[in-house]
């Protein structure tokens, strides 16, 4: 699928806001601390075993469940959405919006402390 970067960014901003608005106030207040950015592709260090770059999103930071007082000066929490892989796995704008929503929720799950297997069990 092809889409202008500005259109993609607009869609991400809208879906991110919808996801945030759906959170209960206490969770939303915490999640507001996470920055969402867009990159074209994942870094090579995150590529799959055969060099695939099918990673759709990445949470970087220290999850809330793993934080200690010593982590106060750690890097800011960030979710990166990877534009080209997201566009590659989708055939329509509707499908893209669904995948962006799932990816944002999945990465927020990591921020809140869920491990990969827990998120997969929940369909995320």
C-alpha atoms as a PDB file:
ATOM      1  CA  UNK A   1       0.000   0.000   0.000  1.00  0.00           C
ATOM      2  CA  UNK A   2       1.205   3.520  -0.725  1.00  0.00           C
ATOM      3  CA  UNK A   3       0.393   6.677   1.215  1.00  0.00           C
ATOM      4  CA  UNK A   4       1.898  10.113   1.650  1.00  0.00           C
ATOM      5  CA  UNK A   5       3.870  10.474   4.855  1.00  0.00           C
ATOM      6  CA  UNK A   6       1.745  13.437   5.962  1.00  0.00           C
ATOM      7  CA  UNK A   7      -1.438  11.391   5.553  1.00  0.00           C
ATOM      8  CA  UNK A   8       0.096   8.512   7.512  1.00  0.00           C
ATOM      9  CA  UNK A   9       1.153  10.885  10.303  1.00  0.00           C
ATOM     10  CA  UNK A  10      -2.346  12.400  10.465  1.00  0.00           C
ATOM     11  CA  UNK A  11      -3.882   8.932  10.776  1.00  0.00           C
ATOM     12  CA  UNK A  12      -1.433   7.961  13.529  1.00  0.00           C
ATOM     13  CA  UNK A  13      -2.157  11.151  15.502  1.00  0.00           C
ATOM     14  CA  UNK A  14      -5.895  10.559  15.287  1.00  0.00           C
ATOM     15  CA  UNK A  15      -5.726   6.911  16.308  1.00  0.00           C
ATOM     16  CA  UNK A  16      -3.265   7.676  19.107  1.00  0.00           C
ATOM     17  CA  UNK A  17      -5.704  10.267  20.482  1.00  0.00           C
ATOM     18  CA  UNK A  18      -8.611   7.788  20.245  1.00  0.00           C
ATOM     19  CA  UNK A  19      -6.608   5.139  22.105  1.00  0.00           C
ATOM     20  CA  UNK A  20      -5.601   7.630  24.801  1.00  0.00           C
ATOM     21  CA  UNK A  21      -9.183   8.854  25.184  1.00  0.00           C
ATOM     22  CA  UNK A  22     -10.344   5.255  25.681  1.00  0.00           C
ATOM     23  CA  UNK A  23      -8.060   4.726  28.689  1.00  0.00           C
ATOM     24  CA  UNK A  24      -9.315   5.253  32.202  1.00  0.00           C
ATOM     25  CA  UNK A  25      -8.006   8.538  33.641  1.00  0.00           C
ATOM     26  CA  UNK A  26      -5.262   7.037  35.840  1.00  0.00           C
ATOM     27  CA  UNK A  27      -3.816   4.995  32.966  1.00  0.00           C
ATOM     28  CA  UNK A  28      -4.186   7.890  30.534  1.00  0.00           C
ATOM     29  CA  UNK A  29      -2.214  10.186  32.836  1.00  0.00           C
ATOM     30  CA  UNK A  30       0.664   7.682  32.871  1.00  0.00           C
ATOM     31  CA  UNK A  31       0.476   6.946  29.147  1.00  0.00           C
ATOM     32  CA  UNK A  32       0.647  10.677  28.330  1.00  0.00           C
ATOM     33  CA  UNK A  33       4.319  10.437  29.355  1.00  0.00           C
ATOM     34  CA  UNK A  34       5.064   8.181  26.368  1.00  0.00           C
ATOM     35  CA  UNK A  35       6.107   9.885  23.142  1.00  0.00           C
ATOM     36  CA  UNK A  36       4.883   8.379  19.870  1.00  0.00           C
ATOM     37  CA  UNK A  37       7.148   8.863  16.859  1.00  0.00           C
ATOM     38  CA  UNK A  38       7.200   7.567  13.302  1.00  0.00           C
ATOM     39  CA  UNK A  39      10.194   6.129  11.488  1.00  0.00           C
ATOM     40  CA  UNK A  40      10.289   4.661   8.007  1.00  0.00           C
ATOM     41  CA  UNK A  41      11.842   1.334   9.057  1.00  0.00           C
ATOM     42  CA  UNK A  42      13.103  -0.374  12.207  1.00  0.00           C
ATOM     43  CA  UNK A  43      16.818  -0.161  12.971  1.00  0.00           C
ATOM     44  CA  UNK A  44      18.893  -3.054  11.658  1.00  0.00           C
ATOM     45  CA  UNK A  45      19.468  -4.193  15.244  1.00  0.00           C
ATOM     46  CA  UNK A  46      15.737  -4.986  15.459  1.00  0.00           C
ATOM     47  CA  UNK A  47      15.563  -6.933  12.176  1.00  0.00           C
ATOM     48  CA  UNK A  48      14.422 -10.543  12.243  1.00  0.00           C
ATOM     49  CA  UNK A  49      16.770 -13.526  11.849  1.00  0.00           C
ATOM     50  CA  UNK A  50      16.698 -13.327   8.040  1.00  0.00           C
ATOM     51  CA  UNK A  51      17.098  -9.558   7.988  1.00  0.00           C
ATOM     52  CA  UNK A  52      13.336  -8.977   7.669  1.00  0.00           C
ATOM     53  CA  UNK A  53      12.117  -5.626   8.876  1.00  0.00           C
ATOM     54  CA  UNK A  54       8.546  -6.665   9.575  1.00  0.00           C
ATOM     55  CA  UNK A  55       8.540  -5.038  12.999  1.00  0.00           C
ATOM     56  CA  UNK A  56       5.563  -2.675  13.102  1.00  0.00           C
ATOM     57  CA  UNK A  57       6.276  -0.883  16.367  1.00  0.00           C
ATOM     58  CA  UNK A  58       8.784  -0.703  19.193  1.00  0.00           C
ATOM     59  CA  UNK A  59       8.547   0.437  22.808  1.00  0.00           C
ATOM     60  CA  UNK A  60      11.776   1.844  24.231  1.00  0.00           C
ATOM     61  CA  UNK A  61      12.052   2.690  27.890  1.00  0.00           C
ATOM     62  CA  UNK A  62      11.554   1.075  31.270  1.00  0.00           C
ATOM     63  CA  UNK A  63       8.115  -0.405  31.845  1.00  0.00           C
ATOM     64  CA  UNK A  64       6.172   0.831  34.837  1.00  0.00           C
ATOM     65  CA  UNK A  65       6.476  -2.564  36.525  1.00  0.00           C
ATOM     66  CA  UNK A  66      10.279  -2.570  36.202  1.00  0.00           C
ATOM     67  CA  UNK A  67      10.960   0.996  37.349  1.00  0.00           C
ATOM     68  CA  UNK A  68      12.992   1.850  40.399  1.00  0.00           C
ATOM     69  CA  UNK A  69      13.822   5.182  41.984  1.00  0.00           C
ATOM     70  CA  UNK A  70      17.245   4.961  40.295  1.00  0.00           C
ATOM     71  CA  UNK A  71      15.565   5.013  36.880  1.00  0.00           C
ATOM     72  CA  UNK A  72      14.356   8.592  37.214  1.00  0.00           C
ATOM     73  CA  UNK A  73      17.025   9.856  34.805  1.00  0.00           C
ATOM     74  CA  UNK A  74      16.530   7.092  32.240  1.00  0.00           C
ATOM     75  CA  UNK A  75      15.734   7.894  28.638  1.00  0.00           C
ATOM     76  CA  UNK A  76      12.202   9.029  27.948  1.00  0.00           C
ATOM     77  CA  UNK A  77       9.654   6.353  27.126  1.00  0.00           C
ATOM     78  CA  UNK A  78       8.962   6.178  23.419  1.00  0.00           C
ATOM     79  CA  UNK A  79       6.862   4.188  20.999  1.00  0.00           C
ATOM     80  CA  UNK A  80       8.063   4.159  17.412  1.00  0.00           C
ATOM     81  CA  UNK A  81       5.711   3.119  14.625  1.00  0.00           C
ATOM     82  CA  UNK A  82       7.403   1.902  11.465  1.00  0.00           C
ATOM     83  CA  UNK A  83       5.639   3.387   8.473  1.00  0.00           C
ATOM     84  CA  UNK A  84       6.888   1.205   5.603  1.00  0.00           C
ATOM     85  CA  UNK A  85       6.304  -2.178   7.300  1.00  0.00           C
ATOM     86  CA  UNK A  86       2.830  -1.024   8.378  1.00  0.00           C
ATOM     87  CA  UNK A  87       1.998   0.028   4.827  1.00  0.00           C
ATOM     88  CA  UNK A  88       3.462  -3.227   3.473  1.00  0.00           C
ATOM     89  CA  UNK A  89       1.180  -5.455   5.573  1.00  0.00           C
ATOM     90  CA  UNK A  90      -2.007  -3.556   4.732  1.00  0.00           C
ATOM     91  CA  UNK A  91      -4.114  -3.496   1.584  1.00  0.00           C
ATOM     92  CA  UNK A  92      -6.474  -0.670   2.508  1.00  0.00           C
ATOM     93  CA  UNK A  93      -6.685   2.417   4.681  1.00  0.00           C
ATOM     94  CA  UNK A  94      -9.228   0.646   6.883  1.00  0.00           C
ATOM     95  CA  UNK A  95      -6.824  -2.248   7.448  1.00  0.00           C
ATOM     96  CA  UNK A  96      -3.981   0.210   8.109  1.00  0.00           C
ATOM     97  CA  UNK A  97      -5.997   2.040  10.761  1.00  0.00           C
ATOM     98  CA  UNK A  98      -6.781  -1.255  12.484  1.00  0.00           C
ATOM     99  CA  UNK A  99      -3.113  -2.294  12.423  1.00  0.00           C
ATOM    100  CA  UNK A 100      -1.933   1.085  13.751  1.00  0.00           C
ATOM    101  CA  UNK A 101      -4.449   0.856  16.609  1.00  0.00           C
ATOM    102  CA  UNK A 102      -3.325  -2.675  17.499  1.00  0.00           C
ATOM    103  CA  UNK A 103       0.336  -1.646  17.333  1.00  0.00           C
ATOM    104  CA  UNK A 104      -0.136   1.395  19.581  1.00  0.00           C
ATOM    105  CA  UNK A 105      -2.081  -0.655  22.136  1.00  0.00           C
ATOM    106  CA  UNK A 106       0.506  -3.452  21.953  1.00  0.00           C
ATOM    107  CA  UNK A 107       3.411  -1.084  22.590  1.00  0.00           C
ATOM    108  CA  UNK A 108       1.527   0.701  25.395  1.00  0.00           C
ATOM    109  CA  UNK A 109       1.057  -2.771  26.867  1.00  0.00           C
ATOM    110  CA  UNK A 110       4.845  -3.099  27.081  1.00  0.00           C
ATOM    111  CA  UNK A 111       4.999   0.287  28.799  1.00  0.00           C
ATOM    112  CA  UNK A 112       2.457  -0.911  31.362  1.00  0.00           C
ATOM    113  CA  UNK A 113       4.548  -4.048  31.947  1.00  0.00           C
ATOM    114  CA  UNK A 114       2.952  -6.772  29.839  1.00  0.00           C
ATOM    115  CA  UNK A 115       5.342  -9.278  28.285  1.00  0.00           C
ATOM    116  CA  UNK A 116       5.076 -10.309  24.635  1.00  0.00           C
ATOM    117  CA  UNK A 117       3.332 -13.625  25.376  1.00  0.00           C
ATOM    118  CA  UNK A 118       0.704 -11.896  27.530  1.00  0.00           C
ATOM    119  CA  UNK A 119      -0.065  -9.411  24.754  1.00  0.00           C
ATOM    120  CA  UNK A 120      -0.347 -12.185  22.186  1.00  0.00           C
ATOM    121  CA  UNK A 121      -2.787 -14.078  24.442  1.00  0.00           C
ATOM    122  CA  UNK A 122      -4.903 -10.914  24.526  1.00  0.00           C
ATOM    123  CA  UNK A 123      -4.900 -10.690  20.734  1.00  0.00           C
ATOM    124  CA  UNK A 124      -2.463  -7.794  20.651  1.00  0.00           C
END
